[in-house]
């Protein structure tokens, strides 16, 4: 039996994430990354940053439980929320490109 430290984590407590994945994630967003373990996938991304963030990154988590179910945090759209985040990045990049071209 493996004993896992129950340190604070940005992963919601209600998610039944494998202990080995939970152990690898701390209380802050950290680097964007993908973790796979025991058929599960945890995608750790950042929400689209704003100037007011001043270097602080807000985490966006997407967890696939290995049985066909997706969950997300901070918004509860699961896999569709991942698409929404990608679209938000595309929109913001378009805005930045347009502002550079206007100069």
N, C-alpha and C. Protein backbone atom coordinates (compact mmCIF):
# COMPACT_ATOMS: atom_id res chain seq x y z
N UNK A 1 0.84 -1.17 0.00
CA UNK A 1 0.00 0.00 0.00
C UNK A 1 0.89 1.24 0.00
N UNK A 2 0.58 2.19 -0.91
CA UNK A 2 1.36 3.40 -1.03
C UNK A 2 0.73 4.50 -0.19
N UNK A 3 1.55 5.17 0.61
CA UNK A 3 1.07 6.28 1.41
C UNK A 3 1.38 7.56 0.66
N UNK A 4 0.36 8.40 0.46
CA UNK A 4 0.52 9.64 -0.28
C UNK A 4 0.26 10.81 0.65
N UNK A 5 1.18 11.75 0.64
CA UNK A 5 1.02 12.96 1.44
C UNK A 5 -0.18 13.75 0.93
N UNK A 6 -1.01 14.22 1.83
CA UNK A 6 -2.20 14.98 1.45
C UNK A 6 -1.90 16.48 1.53
N UNK A 7 -0.88 16.94 0.81
CA UNK A 7 -0.57 18.36 0.80
C UNK A 7 -1.62 19.11 -0.01
N UNK A 8 -1.62 20.41 0.12
CA UNK A 8 -2.58 21.22 -0.61
C UNK A 8 -2.33 21.09 -2.10
N UNK A 9 -3.42 21.15 -2.86
CA UNK A 9 -3.34 20.99 -4.30
C UNK A 9 -4.40 21.85 -4.97
N UNK A 10 -4.10 22.32 -6.18
CA UNK A 10 -5.10 23.07 -6.94
C UNK A 10 -6.14 22.14 -7.56
N UNK A 11 -5.90 20.85 -7.51
CA UNK A 11 -6.87 19.88 -8.03
C UNK A 11 -8.05 19.83 -7.06
N UNK A 12 -9.28 20.02 -7.55
CA UNK A 12 -10.44 19.96 -6.65
C UNK A 12 -10.50 18.66 -5.85
N UNK A 13 -10.82 18.76 -4.58
CA UNK A 13 -10.89 17.58 -3.72
C UNK A 13 -11.95 16.60 -4.18
N UNK A 14 -12.99 17.10 -4.85
CA UNK A 14 -14.07 16.22 -5.30
C UNK A 14 -13.68 15.34 -6.49
N UNK A 15 -12.56 15.64 -7.14
CA UNK A 15 -12.10 14.82 -8.25
C UNK A 15 -11.38 13.59 -7.71
N UNK A 16 -11.72 12.44 -8.20
CA UNK A 16 -11.10 11.19 -7.75
C UNK A 16 -9.83 10.90 -8.57
N UNK A 17 -8.94 11.87 -8.59
CA UNK A 17 -7.69 11.76 -9.33
C UNK A 17 -6.78 10.75 -8.63
N UNK A 18 -6.03 9.98 -9.42
CA UNK A 18 -5.13 9.00 -8.82
C UNK A 18 -4.15 9.70 -7.89
N UNK A 19 -3.79 9.06 -6.79
CA UNK A 19 -2.88 9.66 -5.82
C UNK A 19 -1.54 10.07 -6.43
N UNK A 20 -1.05 9.30 -7.40
CA UNK A 20 0.25 9.65 -8.00
C UNK A 20 0.17 10.95 -8.79
N UNK A 21 -0.97 11.21 -9.44
CA UNK A 21 -1.13 12.49 -10.14
C UNK A 21 -1.29 13.61 -9.13
N UNK A 22 -2.14 13.42 -8.15
CA UNK A 22 -2.38 14.47 -7.14
C UNK A 22 -1.08 14.86 -6.45
N UNK A 23 -0.24 13.89 -6.20
CA UNK A 23 1.03 14.13 -5.51
C UNK A 23 1.96 15.02 -6.34
N UNK A 24 1.81 15.00 -7.66
CA UNK A 24 2.70 15.75 -8.55
C UNK A 24 2.26 17.20 -8.77
N UNK A 25 1.12 17.59 -8.21
CA UNK A 25 0.59 18.93 -8.44
C UNK A 25 0.49 19.68 -7.11
N UNK A 26 1.02 20.89 -7.09
CA UNK A 26 1.02 21.69 -5.87
C UNK A 26 -0.17 22.63 -5.77
N UNK A 27 0.01 23.72 -5.02
CA UNK A 27 -1.09 24.65 -4.77
C UNK A 27 -1.13 25.82 -5.75
N UNK A 28 -0.18 25.89 -6.68
CA UNK A 28 -0.16 26.97 -7.67
C UNK A 28 -0.14 26.39 -9.07
N UNK A 29 -0.44 27.25 -10.04
CA UNK A 29 -0.53 26.79 -11.43
C UNK A 29 0.78 26.19 -11.92
N UNK A 30 1.90 26.83 -11.63
CA UNK A 30 3.17 26.32 -12.11
C UNK A 30 3.23 26.28 -13.64
N UNK A 31 4.04 25.37 -14.16
CA UNK A 31 4.18 25.24 -15.61
C UNK A 31 2.95 24.61 -16.21
N UNK A 32 2.68 24.98 -17.47
CA UNK A 32 1.62 24.30 -18.21
C UNK A 32 2.16 22.92 -18.58
N UNK A 33 1.33 21.91 -18.40
CA UNK A 33 1.82 20.56 -18.66
C UNK A 33 0.67 19.57 -18.76
N UNK A 34 1.02 18.38 -19.20
CA UNK A 34 0.08 17.27 -19.31
C UNK A 34 0.67 16.11 -18.51
N UNK A 35 -0.14 15.52 -17.65
CA UNK A 35 0.30 14.38 -16.84
C UNK A 35 -0.61 13.20 -17.17
N UNK A 36 -0.01 12.06 -17.48
CA UNK A 36 -0.79 10.85 -17.72
C UNK A 36 -0.35 9.79 -16.73
N UNK A 37 -1.30 9.04 -16.23
CA UNK A 37 -1.02 7.99 -15.24
C UNK A 37 -2.23 7.09 -15.15
N UNK A 38 -2.03 5.80 -15.22
CA UNK A 38 -3.10 4.82 -15.01
C UNK A 38 -4.34 5.08 -15.86
N UNK A 39 -4.15 5.52 -17.12
CA UNK A 39 -5.27 5.77 -18.01
C UNK A 39 -5.93 7.13 -17.83
N UNK A 40 -5.48 7.90 -16.86
CA UNK A 40 -6.02 9.24 -16.61
C UNK A 40 -5.14 10.27 -17.31
N UNK A 41 -5.74 11.42 -17.60
CA UNK A 41 -5.01 12.54 -18.18
C UNK A 41 -5.37 13.79 -17.38
N UNK A 42 -4.36 14.52 -16.96
CA UNK A 42 -4.58 15.82 -16.31
C UNK A 42 -3.84 16.86 -17.13
N UNK A 43 -4.58 17.83 -17.65
CA UNK A 43 -4.00 18.92 -18.43
C UNK A 43 -4.04 20.17 -17.56
N UNK A 44 -2.86 20.73 -17.30
CA UNK A 44 -2.75 21.95 -16.50
C UNK A 44 -2.34 23.08 -17.43
N UNK A 45 -3.23 24.03 -17.60
CA UNK A 45 -2.98 25.19 -18.45
C UNK A 45 -3.18 26.46 -17.65
N UNK A 46 -2.95 27.59 -18.29
CA UNK A 46 -3.21 28.89 -17.69
C UNK A 46 -4.36 29.54 -18.43
N UNK A 47 -5.19 30.26 -17.70
CA UNK A 47 -6.20 31.07 -18.37
C UNK A 47 -5.47 32.17 -19.13
N UNK A 48 -6.15 32.82 -20.07
CA UNK A 48 -5.52 33.87 -20.87
C UNK A 48 -5.10 35.01 -19.93
N UNK A 49 -3.81 35.34 -19.91
CA UNK A 49 -3.34 36.38 -18.99
C UNK A 49 -3.77 37.78 -19.44
N UNK A 50 -3.87 38.66 -18.47
CA UNK A 50 -4.15 40.07 -18.73
C UNK A 50 -3.02 40.90 -18.14
N UNK A 51 -2.97 42.17 -18.48
CA UNK A 51 -1.93 43.05 -17.95
C UNK A 51 -2.02 43.16 -16.43
N UNK A 52 -3.22 43.04 -15.89
CA UNK A 52 -3.42 43.15 -14.45
C UNK A 52 -2.86 41.95 -13.68
N UNK A 53 -2.61 40.85 -14.36
CA UNK A 53 -2.10 39.65 -13.69
C UNK A 53 -0.68 39.83 -13.17
N UNK A 54 0.08 40.72 -13.79
CA UNK A 54 1.46 41.03 -13.36
C UNK A 54 2.29 39.77 -13.10
N UNK A 55 2.29 38.85 -14.05
CA UNK A 55 3.10 37.65 -13.95
C UNK A 55 2.45 36.49 -13.22
N UNK A 56 1.36 36.73 -12.55
CA UNK A 56 0.66 35.65 -11.84
C UNK A 56 -0.24 34.91 -12.83
N UNK A 57 -0.20 33.61 -12.81
CA UNK A 57 -0.98 32.81 -13.73
C UNK A 57 -2.10 32.07 -13.00
N UNK A 58 -3.29 32.13 -13.58
CA UNK A 58 -4.45 31.43 -13.03
C UNK A 58 -4.55 30.06 -13.70
N UNK A 59 -4.70 29.02 -12.91
CA UNK A 59 -4.74 27.65 -13.45
C UNK A 59 -6.09 27.33 -14.08
N UNK A 60 -6.03 26.56 -15.14
CA UNK A 60 -7.21 25.96 -15.76
C UNK A 60 -6.90 24.47 -15.85
N UNK A 61 -7.69 23.64 -15.19
CA UNK A 61 -7.43 22.20 -15.11
C UNK A 61 -8.46 21.42 -15.90
N UNK A 62 -7.99 20.37 -16.57
CA UNK A 62 -8.87 19.49 -17.33
C UNK A 62 -8.44 18.06 -17.02
N UNK A 63 -9.38 17.27 -16.50
CA UNK A 63 -9.07 15.90 -16.08
C UNK A 63 -9.95 14.91 -16.82
N UNK A 64 -9.30 13.93 -17.44
CA UNK A 64 -9.99 12.80 -18.07
C UNK A 64 -9.79 11.61 -17.14
N UNK A 65 -10.88 11.00 -16.70
CA UNK A 65 -10.80 9.96 -15.67
C UNK A 65 -10.47 8.57 -16.19
N UNK A 66 -10.29 8.43 -17.50
CA UNK A 66 -9.97 7.12 -18.07
C UNK A 66 -11.20 6.29 -18.40
N UNK A 67 -12.38 6.81 -18.07
CA UNK A 67 -13.63 6.08 -18.33
C UNK A 67 -14.58 6.90 -19.20
N UNK A 68 -14.02 7.87 -19.93
CA UNK A 68 -14.83 8.66 -20.85
C UNK A 68 -15.36 9.96 -20.30
N UNK A 69 -15.03 10.29 -19.06
CA UNK A 69 -15.55 11.50 -18.42
C UNK A 69 -14.47 12.58 -18.29
N UNK A 70 -14.85 13.81 -18.61
CA UNK A 70 -13.96 14.96 -18.46
C UNK A 70 -14.53 15.89 -17.40
N UNK A 71 -13.63 16.48 -16.61
CA UNK A 71 -14.01 17.53 -15.66
C UNK A 71 -13.05 18.69 -15.86
N UNK A 72 -13.50 19.88 -15.48
CA UNK A 72 -12.64 21.05 -15.61
C UNK A 72 -12.84 21.97 -14.41
N UNK A 73 -11.83 22.78 -14.19
CA UNK A 73 -11.86 23.77 -13.12
C UNK A 73 -11.03 24.97 -13.58
N UNK A 74 -11.43 26.19 -13.40
CA UNK A 74 -12.47 26.64 -12.50
C UNK A 74 -13.88 26.59 -13.09
N UNK A 75 -14.00 26.36 -14.38
CA UNK A 75 -15.33 26.30 -15.00
C UNK A 75 -15.71 24.85 -15.24
N UNK A 76 -16.98 24.53 -15.11
CA UNK A 76 -17.41 23.13 -15.15
C UNK A 76 -17.96 22.70 -16.50
N UNK A 77 -17.19 22.89 -17.56
CA UNK A 77 -17.66 22.48 -18.87
C UNK A 77 -16.97 21.24 -19.39
N UNK A 78 -16.02 20.71 -18.61
CA UNK A 78 -15.30 19.53 -19.05
C UNK A 78 -14.52 19.78 -20.33
N UNK A 79 -14.61 18.84 -21.26
CA UNK A 79 -13.85 18.93 -22.50
C UNK A 79 -14.24 20.15 -23.33
N UNK A 80 -15.50 20.53 -23.31
CA UNK A 80 -15.92 21.72 -24.07
C UNK A 80 -15.28 22.99 -23.51
N UNK A 81 -14.99 23.00 -22.22
CA UNK A 81 -14.32 24.15 -21.62
C UNK A 81 -12.88 24.27 -22.11
N UNK A 82 -12.25 23.14 -22.41
CA UNK A 82 -10.91 23.15 -22.99
C UNK A 82 -10.95 23.85 -24.35
N UNK A 83 -11.95 23.53 -25.15
CA UNK A 83 -12.12 24.18 -26.46
C UNK A 83 -12.35 25.68 -26.27
N UNK A 84 -13.14 26.05 -25.28
CA UNK A 84 -13.40 27.46 -25.00
C UNK A 84 -12.11 28.20 -24.65
N UNK A 85 -11.25 27.56 -23.86
CA UNK A 85 -9.98 28.18 -23.48
C UNK A 85 -9.10 28.37 -24.71
N UNK A 86 -9.00 27.36 -25.56
CA UNK A 86 -8.21 27.47 -26.79
C UNK A 86 -8.75 28.61 -27.66
N UNK A 87 -10.06 28.70 -27.79
CA UNK A 87 -10.67 29.78 -28.57
C UNK A 87 -10.36 31.15 -27.96
N UNK A 88 -10.31 31.23 -26.64
CA UNK A 88 -9.98 32.49 -25.96
C UNK A 88 -8.55 32.92 -26.29
N UNK A 89 -7.63 31.95 -26.33
CA UNK A 89 -6.25 32.26 -26.72
C UNK A 89 -6.19 32.72 -28.16
N UNK A 90 -6.92 32.06 -29.06
CA UNK A 90 -6.93 32.46 -30.46
C UNK A 90 -7.46 33.88 -30.62
N UNK A 91 -8.53 34.19 -29.91
CA UNK A 91 -9.12 35.53 -29.98
C UNK A 91 -8.13 36.58 -29.48
N UNK A 92 -7.50 36.31 -28.35
CA UNK A 92 -6.54 37.27 -27.78
C UNK A 92 -5.35 37.47 -28.70
N UNK A 93 -4.85 36.40 -29.32
CA UNK A 93 -3.74 36.53 -30.26
C UNK A 93 -4.15 37.39 -31.45
N UNK A 94 -5.37 37.21 -31.94
CA UNK A 94 -5.87 38.04 -33.03
C UNK A 94 -5.92 39.51 -32.64
N UNK A 95 -6.36 39.79 -31.42
CA UNK A 95 -6.41 41.17 -30.93
C UNK A 95 -5.01 41.78 -30.84
N UNK A 96 -4.06 41.00 -30.34
CA UNK A 96 -2.68 41.49 -30.23
C UNK A 96 -2.08 41.73 -31.61
N UNK A 97 -2.31 40.81 -32.55
CA UNK A 97 -1.82 40.99 -33.92
C UNK A 97 -2.40 42.26 -34.54
N UNK A 98 -3.70 42.47 -34.36
CA UNK A 98 -4.35 43.66 -34.91
C UNK A 98 -3.78 44.94 -34.32
N UNK A 99 -3.50 44.92 -33.02
CA UNK A 99 -2.95 46.13 -32.39
C UNK A 99 -1.53 46.40 -32.87
N UNK A 100 -0.75 45.36 -33.16
CA UNK A 100 0.60 45.55 -33.69
C UNK A 100 0.56 46.08 -35.12
N UNK A 101 -0.38 45.60 -35.90
CA UNK A 101 -0.50 46.06 -37.29
C UNK A 101 -0.97 47.50 -37.36
N UNK A 102 -1.69 47.96 -36.35
CA UNK A 102 -2.20 49.33 -36.33
C UNK A 102 -1.11 50.35 -36.01
N UNK A 103 0.03 49.88 -35.52
CA UNK A 103 1.12 50.79 -35.11
C UNK A 103 1.92 51.22 -36.30
